[in-house]
């Protein structure tokens, strides 16, 4: 009688599915340009946070005897017309420009996120009325709306400190401009997500609208919002620099990259280092944010899920 051989059965173990965030994170790490840009952005943020410690001189300290000195071993990036160290002013300018850009993006996210979520989730006539208001603001050219809001806040006598007054005016102007696009994006995402089965199941279980939006809808639309914010921050940096350049933002002796570019423009032919370095850091930061935003967009695109 022959022996009967049996082949051992092996159980098929299915790999656990990865969430969109984990897959997106791994895809982002494979994008070298985005990783380098992310590291550069982190370094600039750290430079802004520790501006006082990193600056070799106080940003507003004049050295009249060393006015308009080209880059040398003492002043690495030279000095301006009052002898103020350009490296210190650029480092302090990072604190101002990055703070304005990030705070404005947060304010725009809060306003636009709440506005767009309410409009998209409630729907009906309320949605039509709310979005018509957004369309009106969206039809106004961005720079015109930005300048109008800034001039309005400058005319209101609320703060005695000129630096604080200029900062609040810039924050208000950029926030009014920035939340409109976020509201449209959030509304569109909410309209899609609220038709999903898990949202309808929450309705059937008696969950309230606020709970559904916070617990189920917002976590599933964070990807497009984060990508949009990565593009909005460099836009805010550019707008802040533009306002300071035309004299509606911060004014000397306070320093931002736009203020430095405005000062350097007047001496472009004789002392090009005054505009070269502020313009270079502006270019690099905006380029880094755009490359990082492209990487985030590709990494968290649902159509790329499961692809290497």
Protein backbone atom coordinates (compact mmCIF):
# COMPACT_ATOMS: atom_id res chain seq x y z
CA UNK A 1 0.00 0.00 0.00
CA UNK A 2 1.52 3.23 -1.13
CA UNK A 3 1.93 6.07 1.21
CA UNK A 4 -0.22 9.03 0.49
CA UNK A 5 1.61 12.27 0.45
CA UNK A 6 -0.19 15.39 1.35
CA UNK A 7 0.99 18.82 0.43
CA UNK A 8 0.88 21.26 3.28
CA UNK A 9 -1.60 23.99 2.83
CA UNK A 10 -0.35 27.48 3.20
CA UNK A 11 -2.64 30.21 4.28
CA UNK A 12 -2.64 33.24 2.08
CA UNK A 13 -1.89 36.29 4.15
CA UNK A 14 -3.09 39.47 2.59
CA UNK A 15 -1.00 42.50 3.26
CA UNK A 16 -2.66 45.15 5.27
CA UNK A 17 -3.87 48.05 3.23
CA UNK A 18 -2.06 51.30 3.74
CA UNK A 19 -3.90 54.52 4.31
CA UNK A 20 -3.75 57.31 1.77
CA UNK A 21 -1.62 59.38 4.15
CA UNK A 22 1.01 56.64 4.60
CA UNK A 23 1.19 55.91 0.87
CA UNK A 24 1.39 59.62 0.14
CA UNK A 25 4.19 60.05 2.68
CA UNK A 26 6.25 57.28 1.07
CA UNK A 27 5.66 58.71 -2.42
CA UNK A 28 6.68 62.13 -1.17
CA UNK A 29 9.98 60.77 0.17
CA UNK A 30 10.75 59.34 -3.27
CA UNK A 31 10.49 62.82 -4.80
CA UNK A 32 14.01 64.20 -4.28
CA UNK A 33 13.13 67.75 -5.32
CA UNK A 34 10.29 67.88 -2.79
CA UNK A 35 12.45 66.47 0.00
CA UNK A 36 15.23 68.98 -0.66
CA UNK A 37 12.65 71.77 -0.80
CA UNK A 38 11.09 70.60 2.46
CA UNK A 39 14.49 70.61 4.20
CA UNK A 40 15.20 74.11 2.85
CA UNK A 41 11.81 75.38 4.06
CA UNK A 42 12.42 73.93 7.52
CA UNK A 43 15.83 75.64 7.67
CA UNK A 44 14.30 78.99 6.66
CA UNK A 45 11.59 78.57 9.32
CA UNK A 46 14.23 77.80 11.95
CA UNK A 47 16.16 80.86 10.81
CA UNK A 48 13.01 82.95 11.27
CA UNK A 49 12.30 81.51 14.72
CA UNK A 50 15.84 82.09 16.00
CA UNK A 51 16.43 85.34 14.12
CA UNK A 52 17.70 87.26 17.15
CA UNK A 53 20.18 84.52 18.05
CA UNK A 54 21.45 84.01 14.49
CA UNK A 55 21.81 87.66 13.49
CA UNK A 56 25.42 88.83 13.91
CA UNK A 57 24.19 92.40 14.54
CA UNK A 58 20.88 94.00 15.52
CA UNK A 59 18.88 94.43 12.31
CA UNK A 60 18.34 98.19 12.91
CA UNK A 61 21.79 99.06 14.27
CA UNK A 62 23.52 101.59 11.99
CA UNK A 63 27.27 101.69 11.40
CA UNK A 64 27.67 104.98 9.58
CA UNK A 65 31.38 104.52 8.99
CA UNK A 66 30.66 101.22 7.19
CA UNK A 67 27.80 102.42 4.98
CA UNK A 68 27.39 100.72 1.59
CA UNK A 69 30.27 98.34 2.19
CA UNK A 70 30.37 95.42 -0.27
CA UNK A 71 30.43 91.84 1.06
CA UNK A 72 33.56 91.16 3.11
CA UNK A 73 34.79 89.09 6.05
CA UNK A 74 33.12 91.41 8.58
CA UNK A 75 29.82 91.94 6.80
CA UNK A 76 29.23 88.77 4.80
CA UNK A 77 26.49 90.31 2.64
CA UNK A 78 27.62 93.93 2.89
CA UNK A 79 25.78 96.87 4.43
CA UNK A 80 23.07 99.28 3.34
CA UNK A 81 23.11 103.08 3.07
CA UNK A 82 23.02 103.46 6.88
CA UNK A 83 25.63 100.81 7.55
CA UNK A 84 23.16 98.18 8.74
CA UNK A 85 24.30 94.60 8.23
CA UNK A 86 22.44 93.05 5.28
CA UNK A 87 22.74 89.50 6.60
CA UNK A 88 21.08 90.49 9.87
CA UNK A 89 18.32 92.33 8.03
CA UNK A 90 17.68 89.36 5.73
CA UNK A 91 17.50 87.00 8.71
CA UNK A 92 15.10 89.33 10.51
CA UNK A 93 13.21 89.77 7.23
CA UNK A 94 12.66 86.01 7.19
CA UNK A 95 10.94 86.33 10.56
CA UNK A 96 8.58 88.98 9.25
CA UNK A 97 7.87 87.53 5.80
CA UNK A 98 7.42 83.92 6.95
CA UNK A 99 5.31 84.92 9.95
CA UNK A 100 2.95 86.98 7.79
CA UNK A 101 2.66 84.21 5.19
CA UNK A 102 2.02 81.38 7.67
CA UNK A 103 -0.33 83.28 9.98
CA UNK A 104 -2.31 84.54 7.01
CA UNK A 105 -2.65 81.02 5.64
CA UNK A 106 -3.92 79.78 9.02
CA UNK A 107 -6.48 82.59 9.23
CA UNK A 108 -7.56 81.96 5.63
CA UNK A 109 -7.89 78.24 6.38
CA UNK A 110 -10.13 78.89 9.39
CA UNK A 111 -12.37 81.35 7.57
CA UNK A 112 -12.46 79.58 4.22
CA UNK A 113 -12.73 76.12 5.76
CA UNK A 114 -15.70 76.97 7.94
CA UNK A 115 -17.40 79.01 5.22
CA UNK A 116 -16.92 76.39 2.52
CA UNK A 117 -17.92 73.50 4.81
CA UNK A 118 -21.16 75.20 5.84
CA UNK A 119 -21.97 76.13 2.26
CA UNK A 120 -21.28 72.67 0.87
CA UNK A 121 -22.86 70.66 3.68
CA UNK A 122 -26.07 72.66 4.10
CA UNK A 123 -26.61 73.26 0.38
CA UNK A 124 -29.80 74.69 -1.07
CA UNK A 125 -30.51 78.42 -1.03
CA UNK A 126 -27.93 79.10 1.66
CA UNK A 127 -25.26 77.56 -0.55
CA UNK A 128 -26.33 79.71 -3.50
CA UNK A 129 -26.28 82.93 -1.46
CA UNK A 130 -22.92 82.18 0.16
CA UNK A 131 -21.25 81.25 -3.09
CA UNK A 132 -22.59 84.31 -4.92
CA UNK A 133 -20.81 86.43 -2.32
CA UNK A 134 -17.64 84.44 -2.95
CA UNK A 135 -18.05 84.94 -6.70
CA UNK A 136 -18.29 88.71 -6.19
CA UNK A 137 -15.03 88.78 -4.23
CA UNK A 138 -13.40 86.40 -6.68
CA UNK A 139 -14.30 88.68 -9.59
CA UNK A 140 -12.34 91.58 -8.10
CA UNK A 141 -8.66 91.51 -9.19
CA UNK A 142 -6.52 90.20 -6.36
CA UNK A 143 -4.08 93.10 -6.25
CA UNK A 144 -6.88 95.68 -6.31
CA UNK A 145 -8.70 93.97 -3.42
CA UNK A 146 -5.44 93.59 -1.55
CA UNK A 147 -4.57 97.28 -1.86
CA UNK A 148 -8.09 98.42 -0.99
CA UNK A 149 -8.22 96.39 2.22
CA UNK A 150 -4.70 97.48 3.21
CA UNK A 151 -5.49 101.17 2.64
CA UNK A 152 -8.72 100.80 4.64
CA UNK A 153 -6.94 99.29 7.65
CA UNK A 154 -4.19 101.91 7.46
CA UNK A 155 -6.85 104.61 7.69
CA UNK A 156 -8.34 103.13 10.86
CA UNK A 157 -6.56 104.42 13.96
CA UNK A 158 -6.44 101.35 16.19
CA UNK A 159 -2.77 100.76 16.97
CA UNK A 160 -0.18 103.34 17.94
CA UNK A 161 2.78 101.11 17.10
CA UNK A 162 3.48 101.62 13.35
CA UNK A 163 5.03 98.14 13.00
CA UNK A 164 2.04 96.44 14.63
CA UNK A 165 -0.36 98.54 12.57
CA UNK A 166 1.39 97.59 9.34
CA UNK A 167 1.47 93.90 10.28
CA UNK A 168 -2.23 93.82 11.18
CA UNK A 169 -3.09 95.59 7.94
CA UNK A 170 -1.08 93.09 5.89
CA UNK A 171 -2.59 90.13 7.76
CA UNK A 172 -6.11 91.46 7.21
CA UNK A 173 -5.54 92.20 3.51
CA UNK A 174 -3.99 88.81 2.74
CA UNK A 175 -6.63 86.97 4.78
CA UNK A 176 -9.48 88.65 2.90
CA UNK A 177 -7.87 87.63 -0.38
CA UNK A 178 -6.79 84.14 0.65
CA UNK A 179 -9.92 82.64 2.19
CA UNK A 180 -11.96 82.94 -1.02
CA UNK A 181 -10.08 80.24 -2.93
CA UNK A 182 -10.02 77.98 0.12
CA UNK A 183 -13.78 78.33 0.54
CA UNK A 184 -14.39 77.23 -3.05
CA UNK A 185 -12.08 74.23 -2.72
CA UNK A 186 -13.52 73.13 0.63
CA UNK A 187 -17.08 73.46 -0.65
CA UNK A 188 -16.31 71.31 -3.70
CA UNK A 189 -14.67 68.64 -1.57
CA UNK A 190 -17.52 68.61 0.93
CA UNK A 191 -20.07 68.21 -1.85
CA UNK A 192 -18.23 65.08 -3.00
CA UNK A 193 -17.56 63.53 0.40
CA UNK A 194 -21.01 64.05 1.88
CA UNK A 195 -22.42 61.62 -0.71
CA UNK A 196 -20.20 58.80 0.56
CA UNK A 197 -21.69 55.75 2.27
CA UNK A 198 -20.02 56.33 5.62
CA UNK A 199 -21.52 59.83 5.83
CA UNK A 200 -24.99 58.47 5.07
CA UNK A 201 -24.42 55.76 7.70
CA UNK A 202 -23.60 58.43 10.27
CA UNK A 203 -26.82 60.21 9.33
CA UNK A 204 -28.76 56.99 9.80
CA UNK A 205 -27.21 56.52 13.25
CA UNK A 206 -28.41 59.97 14.29
CA UNK A 207 -25.12 61.83 14.26
CA UNK A 208 -25.34 65.61 14.17
CA UNK A 209 -24.14 67.68 11.25
CA UNK A 210 -21.25 69.32 13.13
CA UNK A 211 -20.01 65.93 14.34
CA UNK A 212 -20.18 64.50 10.82
CA UNK A 213 -18.25 67.42 9.34
CA UNK A 214 -15.54 67.36 12.02
CA UNK A 215 -15.25 63.58 12.43
CA UNK A 216 -15.82 62.22 8.93
CA UNK A 217 -15.68 64.94 6.27
CA UNK A 218 -12.73 67.13 7.23
CA UNK A 219 -10.23 64.27 7.78
CA UNK A 220 -11.00 63.02 4.27
CA UNK A 221 -10.50 66.38 2.53
CA UNK A 222 -7.31 67.45 4.29
CA UNK A 223 -5.13 66.28 1.38
CA UNK A 224 -6.30 68.88 -1.18
CA UNK A 225 -6.40 71.56 1.52
CA UNK A 226 -2.79 70.92 2.58
CA UNK A 227 -1.68 71.02 -1.06
CA UNK A 228 -3.51 74.31 -1.60
CA UNK A 229 -1.91 75.81 1.52
CA UNK A 230 1.55 74.84 0.24
CA UNK A 231 0.85 77.03 -2.81
CA UNK A 232 -0.82 79.82 -0.86
CA UNK A 233 2.09 80.42 1.52
CA UNK A 234 4.54 81.47 -1.24
CA UNK A 235 1.79 83.62 -2.77
CA UNK A 236 1.40 85.38 0.57
CA UNK A 237 5.17 85.91 0.77
CA UNK A 238 5.11 87.45 -2.69
CA UNK A 239 2.11 89.66 -1.93
CA UNK A 240 3.67 90.85 1.33
CA UNK A 241 6.86 91.68 -0.51
CA UNK A 242 4.89 93.51 -3.19
CA UNK A 243 3.01 95.62 -0.62
CA UNK A 244 6.26 96.49 1.15
CA UNK A 245 7.91 97.24 -2.19
CA UNK A 246 5.27 99.80 -3.19
CA UNK A 247 5.22 101.35 0.29
CA UNK A 248 2.01 99.86 1.69
CA UNK A 249 3.65 97.23 3.89
CA UNK A 250 6.37 97.46 6.50
CA UNK A 251 8.56 100.52 6.33
CA UNK A 252 12.21 101.07 7.34
CA UNK A 253 13.79 100.62 9.82
CA UNK A 254 11.64 97.48 10.08
CA UNK A 255 12.78 94.74 7.80
CA UNK A 256 11.10 92.28 5.49
CA UNK A 257 12.31 90.89 2.19
CA UNK A 258 10.04 93.31 0.34
CA UNK A 259 11.43 96.28 2.28
CA UNK A 260 14.97 95.20 1.47
CA UNK A 261 14.15 94.76 -2.20
CA UNK A 262 12.55 98.20 -2.27
CA UNK A 263 15.64 99.79 -0.69
CA UNK A 264 17.96 97.94 -3.03
CA UNK A 265 16.03 98.94 -6.15
CA UNK A 266 17.01 102.58 -5.67
CA UNK A 267 20.71 101.67 -5.75
CA UNK A 268 20.60 98.89 -8.33
CA UNK A 269 23.39 100.16 -10.58
CA UNK A 270 25.80 101.41 -7.94
CA UNK A 271 25.32 98.80 -5.22
CA UNK A 272 23.69 95.68 -6.72
CA UNK A 273 24.26 93.61 -3.56
CA UNK A 274 21.44 95.54 -1.86
CA UNK A 275 18.80 93.96 -4.10
CA UNK A 276 20.63 90.78 -5.13
CA UNK A 277 20.47 88.92 -1.83
CA UNK A 278 16.85 89.77 -0.83
CA UNK A 279 15.71 88.86 -4.34
CA UNK A 280 17.69 85.62 -4.24
CA UNK A 281 16.21 84.46 -0.93
CA UNK A 282 12.72 85.38 -2.18
CA UNK A 283 13.27 83.37 -5.35
CA UNK A 284 14.63 80.32 -3.49
CA UNK A 285 11.86 80.26 -0.87
CA UNK A 286 9.06 80.62 -3.42
CA UNK A 287 10.67 77.98 -5.65
CA UNK A 288 11.02 75.61 -2.70
CA UNK A 289 7.37 75.99 -1.72
CA UNK A 290 6.22 75.43 -5.30
CA UNK A 291 8.34 72.29 -5.69
CA UNK A 292 7.15 71.02 -2.33
CA UNK A 293 3.56 71.75 -3.33
CA UNK A 294 4.02 69.80 -6.57
CA UNK A 295 5.35 66.87 -4.56
CA UNK A 296 2.41 67.01 -2.15
CA UNK A 297 -0.05 67.17 -5.03
CA UNK A 298 1.44 64.08 -6.67
CA UNK A 299 1.85 62.22 -3.38
CA UNK A 300 -1.69 62.69 -2.10
CA UNK A 301 -3.52 62.40 -5.40
CA UNK A 302 -6.05 59.56 -4.91
CA UNK A 303 -5.50 58.49 -8.53
CA UNK A 304 -1.91 57.62 -7.64
CA UNK A 305 -2.90 55.28 -4.83
CA UNK A 306 -1.38 51.83 -5.22
CA UNK A 307 1.09 52.98 -7.87
CA UNK A 308 4.81 53.05 -7.34
